[in-house]
């Protein structure tokens, strides 16, 4: 699993599978990522439509990303 995939999975887990906002740095800290690397991952995942940036440093999975993670979780 790539760091980006792990970031998405952690975001999903921290949100308990719901579409709710989570602080990006809390997700990054779970993966021992420095803030600048967390910001870079968030930018890429935003550009690819996996997450949405919210107020301040909060982020949220998109519906498509949430569904994709649910599907992948049910396969394995």
C-alpha atoms as a PDB file:
ATOM      1  CA  UNK A   1       0.000   0.000   0.000  1.00  0.00           C
ATOM      2  CA  UNK A   2       1.399   3.417  -0.943  1.00  0.00           C
ATOM      3  CA  UNK A   3       1.615   6.288   1.518  1.00  0.00           C
ATOM      4  CA  UNK A   4      -1.266   7.996  -0.310  1.00  0.00           C
ATOM      5  CA  UNK A   5      -3.413   4.879  -0.075  1.00  0.00           C
ATOM      6  CA  UNK A   6      -2.545   4.522   3.608  1.00  0.00           C
ATOM      7  CA  UNK A   7      -3.380   8.192   4.147  1.00  0.00           C
ATOM      8  CA  UNK A   8      -6.811   7.657   2.567  1.00  0.00           C
ATOM      9  CA  UNK A   9      -7.395   4.505   4.602  1.00  0.00           C
ATOM     10  CA  UNK A  10      -6.424   6.280   7.829  1.00  0.00           C
ATOM     11  CA  UNK A  11      -8.708   9.190   6.972  1.00  0.00           C
ATOM     12  CA  UNK A  12     -11.539   6.732   6.357  1.00  0.00           C
ATOM     13  CA  UNK A  13     -10.824   4.892   9.627  1.00  0.00           C
ATOM     14  CA  UNK A  14     -10.560   8.094  11.666  1.00  0.00           C
ATOM     15  CA  UNK A  15     -13.881   9.280  10.220  1.00  0.00           C
ATOM     16  CA  UNK A  16     -15.348   5.881  11.138  1.00  0.00           C
ATOM     17  CA  UNK A  17     -16.468   5.407   7.544  1.00  0.00           C
ATOM     18  CA  UNK A  18     -18.538   8.595   7.597  1.00  0.00           C
ATOM     19  CA  UNK A  19     -18.238  11.720   5.491  1.00  0.00           C
ATOM     20  CA  UNK A  20     -16.921  13.991   8.214  1.00  0.00           C
ATOM     21  CA  UNK A  21     -14.058  16.432   8.515  1.00  0.00           C
ATOM     22  CA  UNK A  22     -10.750  15.422  10.076  1.00  0.00           C
ATOM     23  CA  UNK A  23      -7.640  17.505  10.616  1.00  0.00           C
ATOM     24  CA  UNK A  24      -5.076  16.605   7.954  1.00  0.00           C
ATOM     25  CA  UNK A  25      -2.221  16.743  10.459  1.00  0.00           C
ATOM     26  CA  UNK A  26      -3.930  14.218  12.727  1.00  0.00           C
ATOM     27  CA  UNK A  27      -3.997  11.816   9.772  1.00  0.00           C
ATOM     28  CA  UNK A  28      -0.376  12.613   8.917  1.00  0.00           C
ATOM     29  CA  UNK A  29       0.731  12.149  12.524  1.00  0.00           C
ATOM     30  CA  UNK A  30      -0.761   8.637  12.519  1.00  0.00           C
ATOM     31  CA  UNK A  31       1.645   7.851   9.659  1.00  0.00           C
ATOM     32  CA  UNK A  32       4.590   9.713  11.235  1.00  0.00           C
ATOM     33  CA  UNK A  33       4.608  12.200   8.354  1.00  0.00           C
ATOM     34  CA  UNK A  34       6.052  15.693   8.697  1.00  0.00           C
ATOM     35  CA  UNK A  35       3.565  18.495   8.040  1.00  0.00           C
ATOM     36  CA  UNK A  36       5.095  19.458   4.691  1.00  0.00           C
ATOM     37  CA  UNK A  37       4.749  15.892   3.409  1.00  0.00           C
ATOM     38  CA  UNK A  38       1.180  15.753   4.714  1.00  0.00           C
ATOM     39  CA  UNK A  39       0.423  18.979   2.826  1.00  0.00           C
ATOM     40  CA  UNK A  40       1.930  17.547  -0.374  1.00  0.00           C
ATOM     41  CA  UNK A  41      -0.149  14.362  -0.095  1.00  0.00           C
ATOM     42  CA  UNK A  42      -3.305  16.389   0.577  1.00  0.00           C
ATOM     43  CA  UNK A  43      -2.619  18.507  -2.518  1.00  0.00           C
ATOM     44  CA  UNK A  44      -2.225  15.422  -4.721  1.00  0.00           C
ATOM     45  CA  UNK A  45      -5.313  13.717  -3.282  1.00  0.00           C
ATOM     46  CA  UNK A  46      -7.314  16.921  -3.753  1.00  0.00           C
ATOM     47  CA  UNK A  47      -6.148  17.236  -7.360  1.00  0.00           C
ATOM     48  CA  UNK A  48      -7.150  13.619  -8.050  1.00  0.00           C
ATOM     49  CA  UNK A  49     -10.605  14.072  -6.497  1.00  0.00           C
ATOM     50  CA  UNK A  50     -10.076  11.767  -3.508  1.00  0.00           C
ATOM     51  CA  UNK A  51     -10.464  14.385  -0.790  1.00  0.00           C
ATOM     52  CA  UNK A  52     -11.874  17.866  -0.349  1.00  0.00           C
ATOM     53  CA  UNK A  53     -10.132  20.604   1.597  1.00  0.00           C
ATOM     54  CA  UNK A  54     -12.404  22.215   4.150  1.00  0.00           C
ATOM     55  CA  UNK A  55     -11.895  25.110   6.591  1.00  0.00           C
ATOM     56  CA  UNK A  56      -8.430  25.523   8.069  1.00  0.00           C
ATOM     57  CA  UNK A  57      -6.492  22.281   7.986  1.00  0.00           C
ATOM     58  CA  UNK A  58      -9.513  19.987   7.856  1.00  0.00           C
ATOM     59  CA  UNK A  59     -10.158  17.586   4.997  1.00  0.00           C
ATOM     60  CA  UNK A  60     -12.881  15.138   4.058  1.00  0.00           C
ATOM     61  CA  UNK A  61     -13.067  12.116   1.768  1.00  0.00           C
ATOM     62  CA  UNK A  62     -15.106  12.543  -1.390  1.00  0.00           C
ATOM     63  CA  UNK A  63     -18.099  10.252  -1.857  1.00  0.00           C
ATOM     64  CA  UNK A  64     -16.276   8.454  -4.679  1.00  0.00           C
ATOM     65  CA  UNK A  65     -13.198   7.820  -2.523  1.00  0.00           C
ATOM     66  CA  UNK A  66     -15.363   6.644   0.371  1.00  0.00           C
ATOM     67  CA  UNK A  67     -17.176   4.178  -1.899  1.00  0.00           C
ATOM     68  CA  UNK A  68     -13.881   2.954  -3.363  1.00  0.00           C
ATOM     69  CA  UNK A  69     -12.439   2.271   0.101  1.00  0.00           C
ATOM     70  CA  UNK A  70     -15.638   0.483   1.166  1.00  0.00           C
ATOM     71  CA  UNK A  71     -15.469  -1.711  -1.943  1.00  0.00           C
ATOM     72  CA  UNK A  72     -11.804  -2.536  -1.402  1.00  0.00           C
ATOM     73  CA  UNK A  73     -12.429  -3.308   2.276  1.00  0.00           C
ATOM     74  CA  UNK A  74     -15.194  -5.763   1.436  1.00  0.00           C
ATOM     75  CA  UNK A  75     -12.937  -7.626  -1.023  1.00  0.00           C
ATOM     76  CA  UNK A  76     -10.250  -8.452   1.451  1.00  0.00           C
END
